[in-house]
Amino acid sequence: MKQFLQILIFLCLSITTHAQSNLEAKALYQVAEEKFDAKQYTEALNYLNKSEEAFGKSNPDIAYLRVMVVQQALKDSDDKLKAFSMLNELEKAIDKFENTKQKEALGEDKQMAVMRIKIELPELKKKYETPEMQYKMAKSYKEGKNGFEKDEKLYDEWIIKASENGYSDAQYDLAIDYAFKKDYEKTKYWLSQAVEDNNVTAINAMGYFYKNGLCGFSKDYIKADEWYKKTLAVAIKQEDEFYQIEALASLGELYYLPDNKQATLTIDYYEKAIAVRKDNYKTRITLATIYYADAEVKDYAKATQYLEEAFTQLSAEAAKDRDAGEDLVKFVPENAYKLIDMYTTGGNKLKKNTKRAAFWQNIKDSTDK
């Protein structure tokens, strides 16, 4: 008798708990409906998830409303990336609805509504699921941006999709991913795919790999020269100032390597890089260092000119650009002594200038303190 009473009490408690859970689930579902009507789709989905958790299983009403919420969120979104993300959620929601038991109890109209949305999916995919969107989705998962949490597995999934669909930026990124994994055959394959599409970043990378003999590429300065020149040609055609400068600077570096040195050629490329953009202070500093230190092409007049110009540019940029500010901090300890030396000693096409020497000495002293 005692055992029977214990079982009876347990059953009563279970029934009460279950009833409370059902009430909570229904209340959460009602809130989800209200949020949906108010076009607060994210909140609606959150409450649907909580309602489903309270029920402890999938429910046809919840499954149906989830499809409606996601579909409407997709339609109302002005953000293509978010719309694309919702498209994937919509597919999952439809699949979940179709696998929900007792959905027939909802009636024919609601089932037909879901079926119509499913029929429209291919058109929605054409609109939103472009290789560019696949790439943006991959980057969002990689960087944990645009409302997405970092997820390497999903990044891999989307970067491969975008690459296979011919998006050259994705192909380049995938090539670099494989380079880090030391799978150089795949590195070469995806890099070649990006190059075929005239992806300037990939073309420039070819030059870099040949120059340094990296990622399965044999060191070959002739091929490096060819690829950097191709980078320059494509960058000019695409009006890409960054890669015009990058290609010219890379060619300058290539011909200043100890086993490939042609200083006059290096100077020519750096001069051309400066001509592309007048405020290119980094190239000015590099070129000034060559004019200061290299006996073959020593020219104090040009060295001081480029360092003075670089300092002026850095001073102007530092207030609005963090990188320039950091470069300005480095500039004085790395270059002031050169200016002091050149202005003090003169020669090499430069007249002595004690005033400028004193100016730079004061700056150096103030930063040394």
Protein backbone atom coordinates (compact mmCIF):
# COMPACT_ATOMS: atom_id res chain seq x y z
CA MET A 1 0.00 0.00 0.00
CA LYS A 2 2.80 2.39 0.91
CA GLN A 3 4.57 1.68 -2.38
CA PHE A 4 1.34 2.29 -4.30
CA LEU A 5 0.92 5.70 -2.63
CA GLN A 6 4.51 6.66 -3.53
CA ILE A 7 3.89 5.77 -7.17
CA LEU A 8 0.63 7.72 -7.15
CA ILE A 9 2.34 10.80 -5.68
CA PHE A 10 5.11 10.55 -8.26
CA LEU A 11 2.58 10.34 -11.09
CA CYS A 12 0.66 13.34 -9.77
CA LEU A 13 3.86 15.39 -9.52
CA SER A 14 4.86 14.35 -13.03
CA ILE A 15 1.47 15.34 -14.43
CA THR A 16 1.62 18.69 -12.62
CA THR A 17 5.14 19.38 -13.88
CA HIS A 18 4.16 18.42 -17.42
CA ALA A 19 1.10 20.67 -17.27
CA GLN A 20 3.23 23.56 -16.06
CA SER A 21 5.73 22.95 -18.87
CA ASN A 22 2.90 22.96 -21.41
CA LEU A 23 1.54 26.22 -20.03
CA GLU A 24 4.99 27.79 -20.16
CA ALA A 25 5.52 26.52 -23.70
CA LYS A 26 2.18 27.93 -24.83
CA ALA A 27 2.93 31.28 -23.21
CA LEU A 28 6.33 31.42 -24.92
CA TYR A 29 4.69 30.53 -28.23
CA GLN A 30 2.17 33.36 -27.82
CA VAL A 31 5.01 35.81 -27.17
CA ALA A 32 6.74 34.52 -30.31
CA GLU A 33 3.55 35.22 -32.29
CA GLU A 34 3.40 38.75 -30.89
CA LYS A 35 7.04 39.37 -31.78
CA PHE A 36 6.39 38.06 -35.29
CA ASP A 37 3.42 40.40 -35.72
CA ALA A 38 5.64 43.26 -34.53
CA LYS A 39 8.28 42.27 -37.12
CA GLN A 40 10.78 41.52 -34.38
CA TYR A 41 11.98 38.38 -36.08
CA THR A 42 15.09 37.62 -34.07
CA GLU A 43 13.14 37.83 -30.82
CA ALA A 44 10.35 35.71 -32.33
CA LEU A 45 12.83 32.95 -33.18
CA ASN A 46 14.34 33.11 -29.71
CA TYR A 47 10.93 32.61 -28.10
CA LEU A 48 10.10 29.79 -30.50
CA ASN A 49 13.29 28.02 -29.47
CA LYS A 50 12.40 28.48 -25.81
CA SER A 51 8.88 27.23 -26.45
CA GLU A 52 10.18 24.13 -28.19
CA GLU A 53 12.57 23.51 -25.32
CA ALA A 54 9.70 23.78 -22.82
CA PHE A 55 7.59 21.32 -24.83
CA GLY A 56 10.55 18.98 -24.96
CA LYS A 57 9.91 18.05 -28.57
CA SER A 58 9.07 19.45 -31.97
CA ASN A 59 5.59 20.86 -32.32
CA PRO A 60 3.73 21.48 -35.61
CA ASP A 61 2.62 24.98 -34.59
CA ILE A 62 6.17 25.94 -33.65
CA ALA A 63 7.59 24.38 -36.81
CA TYR A 64 5.07 26.25 -38.97
CA LEU A 65 5.60 29.61 -37.30
CA ARG A 66 9.37 29.22 -37.58
CA VAL A 67 9.05 28.86 -41.36
CA MET A 68 6.87 31.97 -41.53
CA VAL A 69 9.20 34.03 -39.32
CA VAL A 70 12.35 33.11 -41.24
CA GLN A 71 10.70 33.64 -44.61
CA GLN A 72 9.43 37.08 -43.63
CA ALA A 73 12.77 38.04 -42.10
CA LEU A 74 14.43 37.14 -45.38
CA LYS A 75 11.96 39.21 -47.42
CA ASP A 76 12.23 42.25 -45.17
CA SER A 77 16.04 42.26 -44.91
CA ASP A 78 17.94 45.06 -46.65
CA ASP A 79 21.24 43.32 -45.89
CA LYS A 80 22.07 40.81 -48.62
CA LEU A 81 24.42 38.85 -46.38
CA LYS A 82 21.81 38.49 -43.65
CA ALA A 83 19.20 37.59 -46.26
CA PHE A 84 21.52 34.91 -47.59
CA SER A 85 22.01 33.61 -44.07
CA MET A 86 18.25 33.54 -43.54
CA LEU A 87 17.85 31.60 -46.78
CA ASN A 88 19.89 28.78 -45.29
CA GLU A 89 17.84 28.98 -42.09
CA LEU A 90 14.67 28.82 -44.19
CA GLU A 91 15.77 25.58 -45.81
CA LYS A 92 16.39 24.08 -42.38
CA ALA A 93 13.04 25.34 -41.07
CA ILE A 94 11.15 23.82 -44.00
CA ASP A 95 12.97 20.53 -43.58
CA LYS A 96 12.14 20.51 -39.87
CA PHE A 97 8.48 21.25 -40.61
CA GLU A 98 8.26 18.40 -43.10
CA ASN A 99 9.69 16.00 -40.54
CA THR A 100 7.37 17.14 -37.75
CA LYS A 101 4.74 14.63 -36.69
CA GLN A 102 1.04 15.55 -36.71
CA LYS A 103 1.55 18.54 -39.02
CA GLU A 104 -1.63 17.41 -40.80
CA ALA A 105 -3.54 18.70 -37.77
CA LEU A 106 -2.62 22.25 -38.82
CA GLY A 107 -4.93 22.00 -41.80
CA GLU A 108 -4.37 22.15 -45.53
CA ASP A 109 -3.93 25.94 -45.78
CA LYS A 110 -0.87 26.07 -43.52
CA GLN A 111 0.69 23.03 -45.14
CA MET A 112 0.13 24.60 -48.56
CA ALA A 113 1.71 27.85 -47.37
CA VAL A 114 4.90 26.02 -46.43
CA MET A 115 4.82 24.09 -49.71
CA ARG A 116 4.59 27.34 -51.71
CA ILE A 117 7.61 28.74 -49.87
CA LYS A 118 9.53 25.55 -50.64
CA ILE A 119 8.62 25.88 -54.33
CA GLU A 120 9.98 29.45 -54.32
CA LEU A 121 13.32 28.39 -52.82
CA PRO A 122 15.16 27.88 -56.15
CA GLU A 123 14.29 31.44 -57.22
CA LEU A 124 15.40 32.81 -53.87
CA LYS A 125 18.67 30.91 -54.21
CA LYS A 126 19.29 32.47 -57.61
CA LYS A 127 18.75 35.87 -56.07
CA TYR A 128 20.82 35.48 -52.92
CA GLU A 129 23.16 32.50 -53.18
CA THR A 130 25.84 34.06 -55.36
CA PRO A 131 29.54 33.15 -55.12
CA GLU A 132 30.16 36.61 -53.68
CA MET A 133 27.64 35.99 -50.88
CA GLN A 134 29.17 32.58 -50.23
CA TYR A 135 32.56 34.27 -49.87
CA LYS A 136 31.18 36.94 -47.56
CA MET A 137 29.55 34.24 -45.47
CA ALA A 138 32.90 32.45 -45.23
CA LYS A 139 34.69 35.64 -44.16
CA SER A 140 32.01 36.34 -41.56
CA TYR A 141 32.52 32.92 -39.99
CA LYS A 142 36.29 33.28 -40.22
CA GLU A 143 36.41 36.68 -38.52
CA GLY A 144 33.34 36.43 -36.31
CA LYS A 145 31.80 39.54 -37.84
CA ASN A 146 28.44 40.70 -39.24
CA GLY A 147 26.56 38.99 -36.43
CA PHE A 148 28.21 35.59 -36.96
CA GLU A 149 30.26 33.72 -34.39
CA LYS A 150 33.65 32.37 -35.41
CA ASP A 151 33.30 28.88 -36.82
CA GLU A 152 36.21 27.32 -38.71
CA LYS A 153 34.14 24.38 -39.92
CA LEU A 154 31.50 26.62 -41.48
CA TYR A 155 34.24 28.88 -42.85
CA ASP A 156 35.78 25.89 -44.63
CA GLU A 157 32.40 24.86 -45.99
CA TRP A 158 31.60 28.27 -47.47
CA ILE A 159 35.08 29.15 -48.74
CA ILE A 160 35.15 25.89 -50.69
CA LYS A 161 31.67 26.54 -52.11
CA ALA A 162 32.63 30.04 -53.20
CA SER A 163 35.89 28.78 -54.71
CA GLU A 164 34.22 25.96 -56.60
CA ASN A 165 31.74 28.49 -57.97
CA GLY A 166 34.58 30.55 -59.41
CA TYR A 167 34.92 33.47 -56.98
CA SER A 168 38.58 34.42 -57.32
CA ASP A 169 38.99 36.14 -53.94
CA ALA A 170 37.79 32.93 -52.30
CA GLN A 171 40.14 30.88 -54.48
CA TYR A 172 43.08 33.00 -53.37
CA ASP A 173 42.13 32.71 -49.69
CA LEU A 174 41.69 28.96 -50.06
CA ALA A 175 45.12 28.70 -51.70
CA ILE A 176 46.68 30.50 -48.74
CA ASP A 177 44.77 28.26 -46.32
CA TYR A 178 46.30 25.23 -48.00
CA ALA A 179 49.72 26.88 -47.93
CA PHE A 180 49.50 27.13 -44.14
CA LYS A 181 48.49 23.47 -44.08
CA LYS A 182 51.52 22.73 -46.32
CA ASP A 183 49.31 21.18 -48.98
CA TYR A 184 51.19 22.86 -51.80
CA GLU A 185 49.52 21.01 -54.65
CA LYS A 186 46.17 22.47 -53.64
CA THR A 187 47.84 25.82 -53.03
CA LYS A 188 49.08 25.87 -56.61
CA TYR A 189 45.77 24.65 -57.98
CA TRP A 190 43.59 27.29 -56.32
CA LEU A 191 46.13 30.02 -56.93
CA SER A 192 46.14 29.17 -60.62
CA GLN A 193 42.33 29.33 -60.66
CA ALA A 194 42.39 32.81 -59.15
CA VAL A 195 45.13 33.91 -61.56
CA GLU A 196 43.03 32.81 -64.54
CA ASP A 197 40.42 35.32 -63.41
CA ASN A 198 43.07 38.08 -63.29
CA ASN A 199 42.89 38.31 -59.52
CA VAL A 200 45.62 40.85 -58.85
CA THR A 201 46.28 39.60 -55.31
CA ALA A 202 46.87 36.07 -56.58
CA ILE A 203 49.08 37.29 -59.42
CA ASN A 204 51.18 39.29 -56.97
CA ALA A 205 51.42 36.25 -54.69
CA MET A 206 52.89 34.25 -57.58
CA GLY A 207 55.70 36.78 -57.80
CA TYR A 208 56.25 36.63 -54.05
CA PHE A 209 56.38 32.83 -53.99
CA TYR A 210 58.85 32.67 -56.87
CA LYS A 211 61.01 35.42 -55.36
CA ASN A 212 61.27 33.61 -52.03
CA GLY A 213 60.96 29.99 -53.14
CA LEU A 214 57.94 29.30 -50.94
CA CYS A 215 54.94 26.96 -50.91
CA GLY A 216 56.30 24.48 -53.41
CA PHE A 217 57.57 27.13 -55.84
CA SER A 218 61.25 27.01 -56.76
CA LYS A 219 63.13 30.26 -56.30
CA ASP A 220 63.20 31.89 -59.70
CA TYR A 221 63.90 35.61 -60.04
CA ILE A 222 63.05 35.68 -63.73
CA LYS A 223 59.59 34.28 -63.09
CA ALA A 224 59.18 36.57 -60.09
CA ASP A 225 59.95 39.52 -62.36
CA GLU A 226 57.38 38.31 -64.88
CA TRP A 227 54.64 37.90 -62.28
CA TYR A 228 55.30 41.26 -60.63
CA LYS A 229 55.17 42.94 -64.03
CA LYS A 230 51.92 41.15 -64.75
CA THR A 231 50.62 42.40 -61.39
CA LEU A 232 51.53 45.92 -62.44
CA ALA A 233 49.83 45.59 -65.82
CA VAL A 234 46.62 44.20 -64.32
CA ALA A 235 46.64 46.80 -61.53
CA ILE A 236 46.97 49.61 -64.06
CA LYS A 237 44.12 48.17 -66.14
CA GLN A 238 41.95 47.80 -63.04
CA GLU A 239 43.00 51.24 -61.75
CA ASP A 240 44.20 49.59 -58.55
CA GLU A 241 46.62 52.07 -57.02
CA PHE A 242 47.57 49.84 -54.10
CA TYR A 243 48.81 46.99 -56.28
CA GLN A 244 50.52 49.34 -58.70
CA ILE A 245 52.65 50.53 -55.80
CA GLU A 246 52.96 47.00 -54.40
CA ALA A 247 54.20 45.61 -57.72
CA LEU A 248 56.70 48.42 -58.27
CA ALA A 249 57.99 48.16 -54.70
CA SER A 250 58.26 44.37 -55.05
CA LEU A 251 60.27 44.79 -58.25
CA GLY A 252 62.48 47.25 -56.40
CA GLU A 253 63.04 44.69 -53.64
CA LEU A 254 63.67 41.93 -56.17
CA TYR A 255 66.55 43.84 -57.75
CA TYR A 256 68.08 44.75 -54.42
CA LEU A 257 68.52 41.20 -53.21
CA PRO A 258 72.20 40.40 -52.57
CA ASP A 259 72.32 37.76 -55.31
CA ASN A 260 70.27 39.81 -57.77
CA LYS A 261 71.37 43.36 -57.07
CA GLN A 262 70.91 46.07 -59.67
CA ALA A 263 70.70 49.24 -57.60
CA THR A 264 69.87 51.61 -60.45
CA LEU A 265 66.98 49.38 -61.49
CA THR A 266 65.75 49.24 -57.89
CA ILE A 267 65.82 53.03 -57.68
CA ASP A 268 63.91 53.32 -60.93
CA TYR A 269 61.11 51.09 -59.64
CA TYR A 270 60.90 52.92 -56.31
CA GLU A 271 60.80 56.28 -58.10
CA LYS A 272 57.91 54.99 -60.20
CA ALA A 273 56.12 53.81 -57.06
CA ILE A 274 56.39 57.30 -55.60
CA ALA A 275 55.04 58.76 -58.84
CA VAL A 276 51.90 56.62 -58.52
CA ARG A 277 51.04 58.24 -55.21
CA LYS A 278 52.78 61.35 -53.97
CA ASP A 279 52.11 60.69 -50.28
CA ASN A 280 53.81 57.29 -50.37
CA TYR A 281 56.06 57.91 -47.37
CA LYS A 282 57.16 54.29 -46.86
CA THR A 283 58.74 54.08 -50.30
CA ARG A 284 60.39 57.46 -49.74
CA ILE A 285 62.04 56.18 -46.56
CA THR A 286 63.23 53.01 -48.30
CA LEU A 287 64.61 54.96 -51.24
CA ALA A 288 66.28 57.50 -48.96
CA THR A 289 68.03 54.70 -47.08
CA ILE A 290 69.47 53.38 -50.35
CA TYR A 291 70.66 56.84 -51.39
CA TYR A 292 72.23 57.30 -47.96
CA ALA A 293 73.98 53.96 -47.50
CA ASP A 294 74.70 52.44 -50.90
CA ALA A 295 78.07 53.59 -52.23
CA GLU A 296 77.05 52.65 -55.76
CA VAL A 297 74.24 55.22 -55.91
CA LYS A 298 74.95 57.48 -52.90
CA ASP A 299 73.14 60.79 -53.19
CA TYR A 300 72.67 62.83 -50.01
CA ALA A 301 70.59 65.46 -51.79
CA LYS A 302 67.94 62.93 -52.73
CA ALA A 303 68.25 61.06 -49.43
CA THR A 304 67.54 64.19 -47.39
CA GLN A 305 64.79 65.27 -49.78
CA TYR A 306 62.92 61.97 -49.44
CA LEU A 307 63.36 61.77 -45.66
CA GLU A 308 62.16 65.34 -45.19
CA GLU A 309 59.14 64.67 -47.41
CA ALA A 310 58.38 61.44 -45.57
CA PHE A 311 58.52 63.24 -42.22
CA THR A 312 56.16 65.96 -43.46
CA GLN A 313 53.71 63.36 -44.77
CA LEU A 314 53.88 61.31 -41.58
CA SER A 315 53.30 64.37 -39.42
CA ALA A 316 50.19 65.23 -41.43
CA GLU A 317 48.86 61.66 -41.42
CA ALA A 318 49.63 60.78 -37.79
CA ALA A 319 46.67 62.67 -36.36
CA LYS A 320 44.14 60.75 -38.43
CA ASP A 321 45.80 57.40 -39.08
CA ARG A 322 47.00 55.09 -36.32
CA ASP A 323 49.54 53.26 -38.49
CA ALA A 324 51.05 56.54 -39.61
CA GLY A 325 51.25 57.61 -35.98
CA GLU A 326 53.17 54.47 -35.10
CA ASP A 327 55.47 54.97 -38.10
CA LEU A 328 56.11 58.55 -37.01
CA VAL A 329 57.22 57.34 -33.58
CA LYS A 330 59.71 55.01 -35.28
CA PHE A 331 60.88 57.57 -37.80
CA VAL A 332 63.05 59.73 -35.53
CA PRO A 333 65.20 57.01 -33.91
CA GLU A 334 65.59 55.24 -37.25
CA ASN A 335 66.30 58.26 -39.47
CA ALA A 336 67.24 61.40 -37.51
CA TYR A 337 70.88 60.36 -37.19
CA LYS A 338 71.08 59.96 -40.98
CA LEU A 339 69.79 63.48 -41.54
CA ILE A 340 72.15 64.89 -38.91
CA ASP A 341 75.08 63.09 -40.51
CA MET A 342 74.26 64.22 -44.06
CA TYR A 343 73.52 67.84 -43.16
CA THR A 344 76.65 68.04 -41.00
CA THR A 345 79.13 66.45 -43.40
CA GLY A 346 77.64 67.43 -46.73
CA GLY A 347 79.01 66.00 -49.94
CA ASN A 348 77.44 63.51 -52.33
CA LYS A 349 75.51 66.30 -54.10
CA LEU A 350 74.45 67.98 -50.84
CA LYS A 351 75.68 71.23 -49.33
CA LYS A 352 76.22 71.39 -45.58
CA ASN A 353 73.24 72.76 -43.71
CA THR A 354 73.95 73.42 -40.06
CA LYS A 355 70.45 74.74 -39.40
CA ARG A 356 68.79 71.53 -40.55
CA ALA A 357 71.39 69.48 -38.70
CA ALA A 358 70.57 71.40 -35.51
CA PHE A 359 66.83 71.01 -36.16
CA TRP A 360 67.13 67.24 -36.38
CA GLN A 361 69.51 67.11 -33.44
CA ASN A 362 66.90 68.88 -31.30
CA ILE A 363 64.20 66.44 -32.40
CA LYS A 364 66.46 63.49 -31.71
CA ASP A 365 67.42 64.82 -28.28
CA SER A 366 63.79 65.42 -27.34
CA THR A 367 62.82 61.86 -28.25
CA ASP A 368 65.87 60.35 -26.52
CA LYS A 369 64.82 61.79 -23.16
